[in-house]
Amino acid sequence: MTDLRSPILATLAYYDILDVPLTIHMGISWMPGQPSKYCRPSELDDVLNDFPHLKVVAYHMAYPFTDELNTMCVKYGNLYIGLSFTLGF
């Protein structure tokens, strides 16, 4: 069971109750100084397991991890793909 004493997990539980979707950046960060450490779709596994009714939208098609995101969308019916993407700066 999720420890709801964590402010982040408590917020996710609140979103779940109110049926508010969580939108989150996925994929490589192209900006210097912004790490991409937690931007792989597989990083969402725990959240999607702990909150099976929480709608999660992964932005930017999780590029370049698009195949991983597509596979996870098959696994989790509450995970959606955000099609926004920036070409050129």
C-alpha atoms as a PDB file:
ATOM      1  CA  MET A   1       0.000   0.000   0.000  1.00  0.00           C
ATOM      2  CA  THR A   2       1.146   3.523  -0.760  1.00  0.00           C
ATOM      3  CA  ASP A   3       2.342   5.635   2.177  1.00  0.00           C
ATOM      4  CA  LEU A   4       0.109   8.702   1.905  1.00  0.00           C
ATOM      5  CA  ARG A   5       2.280  10.636   4.387  1.00  0.00           C
ATOM      6  CA  SER A   6       4.370  11.585   1.362  1.00  0.00           C
ATOM      7  CA  PRO A   7       3.093  14.949   0.033  1.00  0.00           C
ATOM      8  CA  ILE A   8       3.443  13.785  -3.574  1.00  0.00           C
ATOM      9  CA  LEU A   9       1.569  10.524  -3.008  1.00  0.00           C
ATOM     10  CA  ALA A  10      -1.117  12.321  -1.011  1.00  0.00           C
ATOM     11  CA  THR A  11      -1.568  14.720  -3.946  1.00  0.00           C
ATOM     12  CA  LEU A  12      -1.872  11.806  -6.371  1.00  0.00           C
ATOM     13  CA  ALA A  13      -4.520  10.239  -4.135  1.00  0.00           C
ATOM     14  CA  TYR A  14      -6.401  13.561  -4.133  1.00  0.00           C
ATOM     15  CA  TYR A  15      -6.202  13.753  -7.962  1.00  0.00           C
ATOM     16  CA  ASP A  16      -7.510  10.192  -8.095  1.00  0.00           C
ATOM     17  CA  ILE A  17     -10.498  10.993  -5.850  1.00  0.00           C
ATOM     18  CA  LEU A  18     -11.370  14.144  -7.834  1.00  0.00           C
ATOM     19  CA  ASP A  19     -10.811  12.416 -11.200  1.00  0.00           C
ATOM     20  CA  VAL A  20      -8.209  15.029 -12.184  1.00  0.00           C
ATOM     21  CA  PRO A  21      -5.649  13.725 -14.705  1.00  0.00           C
ATOM     22  CA  LEU A  22      -1.951  13.892 -13.917  1.00  0.00           C
ATOM     23  CA  THR A  23       0.053  15.347 -16.800  1.00  0.00           C
ATOM     24  CA  ILE A  24       3.777  14.738 -16.760  1.00  0.00           C
ATOM     25  CA  HIS A  25       6.831  15.375 -18.947  1.00  0.00           C
ATOM     26  CA  MET A  26       8.300  12.182 -20.384  1.00  0.00           C
ATOM     27  CA  GLY A  27      11.289  11.705 -22.663  1.00  0.00           C
ATOM     28  CA  ILE A  28      14.672  13.371 -22.934  1.00  0.00           C
ATOM     29  CA  SER A  29      14.999  16.915 -21.653  1.00  0.00           C
ATOM     30  CA  TRP A  30      16.671  18.915 -24.396  1.00  0.00           C
ATOM     31  CA  MET A  31      17.537  21.857 -22.149  1.00  0.00           C
ATOM     32  CA  PRO A  32      21.005  22.089 -20.552  1.00  0.00           C
ATOM     33  CA  GLY A  33      20.917  21.768 -16.780  1.00  0.00           C
ATOM     34  CA  GLN A  34      17.648  19.790 -16.752  1.00  0.00           C
ATOM     35  CA  PRO A  35      18.321  16.110 -16.069  1.00  0.00           C
ATOM     36  CA  SER A  36      16.435  13.362 -17.888  1.00  0.00           C
ATOM     37  CA  LYS A  37      17.026  10.921 -15.045  1.00  0.00           C
ATOM     38  CA  TYR A  38      13.349  10.224 -14.292  1.00  0.00           C
ATOM     39  CA  CYS A  39      11.862  10.784 -17.730  1.00  0.00           C
ATOM     40  CA  ARG A  40      11.473   7.174 -18.880  1.00  0.00           C
ATOM     41  CA  PRO A  41       7.910   5.834 -18.990  1.00  0.00           C
ATOM     42  CA  SER A  42       8.894   2.850 -16.826  1.00  0.00           C
ATOM     43  CA  GLU A  43       9.410   5.333 -13.955  1.00  0.00           C
ATOM     44  CA  LEU A  44       5.588   5.549 -13.803  1.00  0.00           C
ATOM     45  CA  ASP A  45       5.117   1.858 -12.954  1.00  0.00           C
ATOM     46  CA  ASP A  46       4.677   2.352  -9.200  1.00  0.00           C
ATOM     47  CA  VAL A  47       2.240   5.248  -9.611  1.00  0.00           C
ATOM     48  CA  LEU A  48       0.156   3.363 -12.182  1.00  0.00           C
ATOM     49  CA  ASN A  49       0.074   0.257  -9.978  1.00  0.00           C
ATOM     50  CA  ASP A  50      -0.743   2.163  -6.783  1.00  0.00           C
ATOM     51  CA  PHE A  51      -3.405   4.364  -8.413  1.00  0.00           C
ATOM     52  CA  PRO A  52      -5.116   2.201 -11.065  1.00  0.00           C
ATOM     53  CA  HIS A  53      -7.921   4.730 -11.633  1.00  0.00           C
ATOM     54  CA  LEU A  54      -5.710   7.824 -11.850  1.00  0.00           C
ATOM     55  CA  LYS A  55      -5.527   9.073 -15.431  1.00  0.00           C
ATOM     56  CA  VAL A  56      -1.907   9.832 -16.382  1.00  0.00           C
ATOM     57  CA  VAL A  57      -0.946  11.692 -19.559  1.00  0.00           C
ATOM     58  CA  ALA A  58       2.709  11.281 -20.592  1.00  0.00           C
ATOM     59  CA  TYR A  59       3.676  14.304 -22.679  1.00  0.00           C
ATOM     60  CA  HIS A  60       5.849  14.471 -25.778  1.00  0.00           C
ATOM     61  CA  MET A  61       5.229  10.822 -26.703  1.00  0.00           C
ATOM     62  CA  ALA A  62       8.127  10.132 -24.272  1.00  0.00           C
ATOM     63  CA  TYR A  63      10.498  10.576 -27.211  1.00  0.00           C
ATOM     64  CA  PRO A  64      12.892   8.786 -27.699  1.00  0.00           C
ATOM     65  CA  PHE A  65      11.249   6.165 -25.459  1.00  0.00           C
ATOM     66  CA  THR A  66       8.071   6.014 -27.552  1.00  0.00           C
ATOM     67  CA  ASP A  67       8.080   2.215 -27.900  1.00  0.00           C
ATOM     68  CA  GLU A  68       8.368   1.839 -24.128  1.00  0.00           C
ATOM     69  CA  LEU A  69       5.421   4.221 -23.641  1.00  0.00           C
ATOM     70  CA  ASN A  70       3.314   2.403 -26.247  1.00  0.00           C
ATOM     71  CA  THR A  71       3.925  -0.905 -24.500  1.00  0.00           C
ATOM     72  CA  MET A  72       3.051   0.561 -21.121  1.00  0.00           C
ATOM     73  CA  CYS A  73      -0.205   1.951 -22.537  1.00  0.00           C
ATOM     74  CA  VAL A  74      -1.170  -1.619 -23.444  1.00  0.00           C
ATOM     75  CA  LYS A  75      -0.378  -2.696 -19.866  1.00  0.00           C
ATOM     76  CA  TYR A  76      -2.141   0.238 -18.158  1.00  0.00           C
ATOM     77  CA  GLY A  77      -5.553   1.411 -19.352  1.00  0.00           C
ATOM     78  CA  ASN A  78      -5.177   4.637 -17.373  1.00  0.00           C
ATOM     79  CA  LEU A  79      -2.011   5.796 -19.196  1.00  0.00           C
ATOM     80  CA  TYR A  80      -2.429   8.124 -22.161  1.00  0.00           C
ATOM     81  CA  ILE A  81       0.001   9.534 -24.722  1.00  0.00           C
ATOM     82  CA  GLY A  82       0.341  13.298 -25.084  1.00  0.00           C
ATOM     83  CA  LEU A  83       1.097  14.055 -28.719  1.00  0.00           C
ATOM     84  CA  SER A  84       2.737  17.440 -28.174  1.00  0.00           C
ATOM     85  CA  PHE A  85       6.276  17.717 -29.437  1.00  0.00           C
ATOM     86  CA  THR A  86       8.699  20.547 -30.171  1.00  0.00           C
ATOM     87  CA  LEU A  87      10.715  20.547 -33.361  1.00  0.00           C
ATOM     88  CA  GLY A  88      13.503  23.085 -33.535  1.00  0.00           C
ATOM     89  CA  PHE A  89      14.092  25.727 -30.884  1.00  0.00           C
END
